[in-house]
Amino acid sequence: MFASVLRLRQMGVLIKGDLPPEEQWASGIFEMSGHGFGGPRMPRRLVLRDARSNPDKGLLFELFQPTLVDVKHPYLKFRGIEGVSLGDGEVGGMVQEWLVRLR
């Protein structure tokens, strides 16, 4: 399904201020995988993928172990872990929140 996504944290810290207009949000194909952590009904990973790319490419954002934390029509808010590069091939994770509007 298509969606617009706004990441609400920068380096794990909530970004203050008003939300930018939706034209400035990232848009693409919103995907979720449902196997693994939390059982078959809980999404293990959310992905926003560029709609113009090949199906296995074009990753814009990725959120692991997502939890739906708020619903305010027409938005869904998810909190999870976003991978970050620590250099020298090491990868860490930090808290990220997405505000999502399905289209």
N, C-alpha and C. Protein backbone atom coordinates (compact mmCIF):
# COMPACT_ATOMS: atom_id res chain seq x y z
N MET A 1 0.84 -1.17 0.00
CA MET A 1 0.00 0.00 0.00
C MET A 1 0.89 1.24 0.00
N PHE A 2 0.37 2.33 -0.47
CA PHE A 2 1.13 3.57 -0.53
C PHE A 2 0.92 4.36 0.76
N ALA A 3 1.98 5.07 1.18
CA ALA A 3 1.90 5.85 2.42
C ALA A 3 2.89 7.00 2.38
N SER A 4 2.64 7.97 3.23
CA SER A 4 3.59 9.05 3.51
C SER A 4 4.08 8.84 4.94
N VAL A 5 5.39 9.02 5.14
CA VAL A 5 5.99 8.77 6.46
C VAL A 5 6.84 9.96 6.87
N LEU A 6 6.69 10.35 8.13
CA LEU A 6 7.53 11.38 8.73
C LEU A 6 8.24 10.75 9.92
N ARG A 7 9.57 10.78 9.92
CA ARG A 7 10.32 10.29 11.07
C ARG A 7 10.32 11.39 12.13
N LEU A 8 9.93 11.02 13.35
CA LEU A 8 9.72 11.99 14.42
C LEU A 8 10.92 12.16 15.35
N ARG A 9 11.97 11.38 15.15
CA ARG A 9 13.16 11.47 16.00
C ARG A 9 14.41 11.64 15.15
N GLN A 10 15.38 12.35 15.72
CA GLN A 10 16.68 12.49 15.09
C GLN A 10 17.72 12.06 16.11
N MET A 11 18.48 11.02 15.79
CA MET A 11 19.46 10.43 16.71
C MET A 11 18.80 10.04 18.03
N GLY A 12 17.56 9.54 17.95
CA GLY A 12 16.84 9.05 19.12
C GLY A 12 16.06 10.10 19.90
N VAL A 13 16.24 11.39 19.56
CA VAL A 13 15.60 12.48 20.29
C VAL A 13 14.41 13.01 19.49
N LEU A 14 13.26 13.20 20.17
CA LEU A 14 12.08 13.74 19.49
C LEU A 14 12.38 15.12 18.91
N ILE A 15 11.94 15.34 17.68
CA ILE A 15 12.12 16.63 17.01
C ILE A 15 10.99 17.55 17.47
N LYS A 16 11.35 18.73 17.94
CA LYS A 16 10.34 19.68 18.42
C LYS A 16 9.82 20.54 17.28
N GLY A 17 8.69 21.20 17.51
CA GLY A 17 8.14 22.12 16.53
C GLY A 17 6.95 21.52 15.81
N ASP A 18 6.39 22.34 14.93
CA ASP A 18 5.24 21.92 14.14
C ASP A 18 5.65 20.90 13.09
N LEU A 19 4.69 20.08 12.72
CA LEU A 19 4.94 19.10 11.66
C LEU A 19 5.07 19.82 10.32
N PRO A 20 6.00 19.38 9.47
CA PRO A 20 6.07 19.97 8.13
C PRO A 20 4.87 19.55 7.30
N PRO A 21 4.58 20.29 6.23
CA PRO A 21 3.47 19.87 5.36
C PRO A 21 3.74 18.49 4.77
N GLU A 22 2.68 17.75 4.50
CA GLU A 22 2.83 16.37 4.02
C GLU A 22 3.59 16.27 2.70
N GLU A 23 3.64 17.34 1.94
CA GLU A 23 4.41 17.31 0.68
C GLU A 23 5.90 17.11 0.97
N GLN A 24 6.35 17.40 2.18
CA GLN A 24 7.75 17.24 2.55
C GLN A 24 8.04 15.90 3.24
N TRP A 25 7.03 15.08 3.44
CA TRP A 25 7.22 13.76 4.03
C TRP A 25 7.74 12.81 2.95
N ALA A 26 8.37 11.73 3.36
CA ALA A 26 8.79 10.69 2.41
C ALA A 26 7.56 9.88 2.00
N SER A 27 7.45 9.58 0.72
CA SER A 27 6.31 8.81 0.21
C SER A 27 6.82 7.60 -0.55
N GLY A 28 6.05 6.54 -0.46
CA GLY A 28 6.42 5.33 -1.18
C GLY A 28 5.49 4.18 -0.83
N ILE A 29 6.02 2.97 -1.00
CA ILE A 29 5.26 1.75 -0.72
C ILE A 29 5.55 1.33 0.71
N PHE A 30 4.49 1.18 1.50
CA PHE A 30 4.58 0.81 2.91
C PHE A 30 4.42 -0.70 3.01
N GLU A 31 5.42 -1.37 3.58
CA GLU A 31 5.39 -2.83 3.69
C GLU A 31 5.61 -3.24 5.13
N MET A 32 5.05 -4.40 5.51
CA MET A 32 5.35 -4.96 6.82
C MET A 32 5.53 -6.46 6.69
N SER A 33 6.48 -6.99 7.44
CA SER A 33 6.68 -8.43 7.48
C SER A 33 6.11 -8.92 8.79
N GLY A 34 5.44 -10.06 8.78
CA GLY A 34 4.71 -10.51 9.95
C GLY A 34 5.21 -11.76 10.61
N HIS A 35 6.43 -12.19 10.32
CA HIS A 35 6.94 -13.42 10.93
C HIS A 35 8.09 -13.09 11.86
N GLY A 36 8.21 -13.86 12.91
CA GLY A 36 9.33 -13.68 13.83
C GLY A 36 8.87 -13.10 15.14
N PHE A 37 9.53 -12.07 15.60
CA PHE A 37 9.29 -11.47 16.92
C PHE A 37 7.81 -11.15 17.12
N GLY A 38 7.26 -11.59 18.24
CA GLY A 38 5.87 -11.26 18.58
C GLY A 38 4.84 -12.19 17.98
N GLY A 39 5.25 -13.21 17.26
CA GLY A 39 4.30 -14.14 16.67
C GLY A 39 3.87 -13.72 15.28
N PRO A 40 3.07 -14.55 14.62
CA PRO A 40 2.73 -14.31 13.22
C PRO A 40 1.83 -13.11 12.97
N ARG A 41 1.13 -12.60 14.00
CA ARG A 41 0.22 -11.47 13.77
C ARG A 41 0.87 -10.12 14.06
N MET A 42 2.06 -10.12 14.67
CA MET A 42 2.76 -8.88 15.00
C MET A 42 3.80 -8.59 13.92
N PRO A 43 3.79 -7.38 13.36
CA PRO A 43 4.83 -7.08 12.36
C PRO A 43 6.20 -7.03 13.02
N ARG A 44 7.16 -7.64 12.35
CA ARG A 44 8.54 -7.66 12.85
C ARG A 44 9.32 -6.49 12.29
N ARG A 45 8.87 -5.99 11.14
CA ARG A 45 9.61 -4.94 10.46
C ARG A 45 8.67 -4.15 9.57
N LEU A 46 8.83 -2.82 9.58
CA LEU A 46 8.11 -1.94 8.66
C LEU A 46 9.14 -1.34 7.71
N VAL A 47 8.74 -1.17 6.46
CA VAL A 47 9.63 -0.64 5.44
C VAL A 47 8.88 0.39 4.61
N LEU A 48 9.55 1.48 4.28
CA LEU A 48 9.04 2.41 3.27
C LEU A 48 10.00 2.32 2.11
N ARG A 49 9.47 1.95 0.94
CA ARG A 49 10.28 1.71 -0.25
C ARG A 49 9.87 2.68 -1.36
N ASP A 50 10.84 3.17 -2.09
CA ASP A 50 10.59 4.06 -3.22
C ASP A 50 9.69 3.35 -4.23
N ALA A 51 8.58 3.95 -4.58
CA ALA A 51 7.60 3.33 -5.48
C ALA A 51 8.14 3.17 -6.90
N ARG A 52 9.18 3.90 -7.26
CA ARG A 52 9.70 3.83 -8.63
C ARG A 52 10.85 2.84 -8.78
N SER A 53 11.22 2.14 -7.71
CA SER A 53 12.37 1.25 -7.75
C SER A 53 11.94 -0.20 -7.98
N ASN A 54 12.93 -1.06 -8.22
CA ASN A 54 12.66 -2.49 -8.31
C ASN A 54 12.14 -2.98 -6.96
N PRO A 55 11.36 -4.06 -6.94
CA PRO A 55 10.78 -4.53 -5.67
C PRO A 55 11.80 -4.86 -4.59
N ASP A 56 13.02 -5.25 -4.95
CA ASP A 56 14.02 -5.62 -3.94
C ASP A 56 15.01 -4.49 -3.67
N LYS A 57 14.75 -3.30 -4.17
CA LYS A 57 15.65 -2.17 -3.98
C LYS A 57 14.85 -0.95 -3.53
N GLY A 58 15.52 0.19 -3.38
CA GLY A 58 14.82 1.44 -3.11
C GLY A 58 14.38 1.62 -1.67
N LEU A 59 15.07 1.00 -0.73
CA LEU A 59 14.70 1.13 0.68
C LEU A 59 14.92 2.57 1.14
N LEU A 60 13.86 3.21 1.64
CA LEU A 60 13.97 4.57 2.17
C LEU A 60 14.15 4.54 3.69
N PHE A 61 13.24 3.85 4.39
CA PHE A 61 13.29 3.74 5.84
C PHE A 61 12.97 2.31 6.24
N GLU A 62 13.49 1.91 7.40
CA GLU A 62 13.24 0.57 7.93
C GLU A 62 13.12 0.67 9.45
N LEU A 63 12.09 0.03 10.01
CA LEU A 63 11.84 0.09 11.45
C LEU A 63 11.64 -1.34 11.96
N PHE A 64 12.48 -1.75 12.93
CA PHE A 64 12.40 -3.10 13.49
C PHE A 64 11.61 -3.11 14.78
N GLN A 65 10.96 -4.23 15.05
CA GLN A 65 10.14 -4.44 16.25
C GLN A 65 9.16 -3.28 16.47
N PRO A 66 8.40 -2.91 15.43
CA PRO A 66 7.49 -1.77 15.55
C PRO A 66 6.30 -2.07 16.45
N THR A 67 5.86 -1.02 17.13
CA THR A 67 4.66 -1.08 17.96
C THR A 67 3.78 0.11 17.59
N LEU A 68 2.51 -0.16 17.37
CA LEU A 68 1.56 0.92 17.12
C LEU A 68 1.28 1.60 18.45
N VAL A 69 1.66 2.88 18.59
CA VAL A 69 1.53 3.57 19.88
C VAL A 69 0.41 4.60 19.91
N ASP A 70 -0.10 5.01 18.74
CA ASP A 70 -1.17 6.01 18.73
C ASP A 70 -1.89 5.99 17.39
N VAL A 71 -3.18 6.27 17.44
CA VAL A 71 -4.00 6.39 16.23
C VAL A 71 -4.82 7.66 16.36
N LYS A 72 -4.59 8.60 15.46
CA LYS A 72 -5.39 9.82 15.38
C LYS A 72 -5.68 10.04 13.90
N HIS A 73 -6.93 9.80 13.53
CA HIS A 73 -7.31 9.85 12.12
C HIS A 73 -6.78 11.11 11.46
N PRO A 74 -6.10 11.03 10.35
CA PRO A 74 -5.80 9.87 9.51
C PRO A 74 -4.40 9.29 9.74
N TYR A 75 -3.81 9.50 10.91
CA TYR A 75 -2.42 9.11 11.14
C TYR A 75 -2.29 7.92 12.07
N LEU A 76 -1.24 7.13 11.84
CA LEU A 76 -0.82 6.05 12.72
C LEU A 76 0.58 6.40 13.21
N LYS A 77 0.84 6.18 14.50
CA LYS A 77 2.19 6.44 15.01
C LYS A 77 2.80 5.11 15.47
N PHE A 78 3.98 4.79 14.93
CA PHE A 78 4.70 3.58 15.28
C PHE A 78 6.00 3.94 15.98
N ARG A 79 6.40 3.11 16.95
CA ARG A 79 7.69 3.27 17.62
C ARG A 79 8.43 1.95 17.47
N GLY A 80 9.72 2.04 17.14
CA GLY A 80 10.53 0.85 16.97
C GLY A 80 12.01 1.19 17.01
N ILE A 81 12.80 0.31 16.45
CA ILE A 81 14.25 0.46 16.44
C ILE A 81 14.71 0.69 15.01
N GLU A 82 15.52 1.72 14.82
CA GLU A 82 16.08 2.03 13.51
C GLU A 82 17.58 1.72 13.56
N GLY A 83 18.06 1.00 12.56
CA GLY A 83 19.47 0.68 12.49
C GLY A 83 20.30 1.90 12.12
N VAL A 84 21.48 2.04 12.74
CA VAL A 84 22.40 3.13 12.43
C VAL A 84 23.80 2.56 12.28
N SER A 85 24.53 3.10 11.33
CA SER A 85 25.91 2.66 11.11
C SER A 85 26.82 3.32 12.13
N LEU A 86 27.65 2.49 12.78
CA LEU A 86 28.61 2.98 13.77
C LEU A 86 30.02 3.08 13.18
N GLY A 87 30.15 2.76 11.90
CA GLY A 87 31.46 2.78 11.24
C GLY A 87 32.12 1.42 11.33
N ASP A 88 33.08 1.19 10.46
CA ASP A 88 33.83 -0.08 10.41
C ASP A 88 32.92 -1.29 10.30
N GLY A 89 31.78 -1.14 9.64
CA GLY A 89 30.85 -2.25 9.43
C GLY A 89 29.97 -2.58 10.62
N GLU A 90 30.13 -1.87 11.73
CA GLU A 90 29.29 -2.14 12.89
C GLU A 90 27.96 -1.41 12.75
N VAL A 91 26.90 -2.07 13.24
CA VAL A 91 25.56 -1.49 13.17
C VAL A 91 24.97 -1.47 14.58
N GLY A 92 24.38 -0.35 14.95
CA GLY A 92 23.68 -0.22 16.22
C GLY A 92 22.22 0.07 15.97
N GLY A 93 21.49 0.38 17.01
CA GLY A 93 20.09 0.71 16.86
C GLY A 93 19.69 1.79 17.83
N MET A 94 18.72 2.59 17.43
CA MET A 94 18.18 3.60 18.34
C MET A 94 16.68 3.73 18.12
N VAL A 95 16.02 4.29 19.11
CA VAL A 95 14.56 4.45 19.06
C VAL A 95 14.19 5.43 17.95
N GLN A 96 13.16 5.08 17.20
CA GLN A 96 12.63 5.95 16.15
C GLN A 96 11.11 5.85 16.21
N GLU A 97 10.44 6.92 15.84
CA GLU A 97 8.98 6.94 15.72
C GLU A 97 8.63 7.43 14.32
N TRP A 98 7.62 6.80 13.76
CA TRP A 98 7.10 7.20 12.45
C TRP A 98 5.67 7.68 12.61
N LEU A 99 5.35 8.74 11.92
CA LEU A 99 3.97 9.16 11.74
C LEU A 99 3.61 8.76 10.31
N VAL A 100 2.58 7.95 10.16
CA VAL A 100 2.25 7.35 8.86
C VAL A 100 0.83 7.75 8.46
N ARG A 101 0.71 8.14 7.19
CA ARG A 101 -0.62 8.37 6.61
C ARG A 101 -0.75 7.46 5.40
N LEU A 102 -1.66 6.51 5.48
CA LEU A 102 -1.89 5.59 4.37
C LEU A 102 -2.68 6.32 3.29
N ARG A 103 -2.35 6.01 2.03
CA ARG A 103 -3.05 6.66 0.92
C ARG A 103 -3.74 5.63 0.07
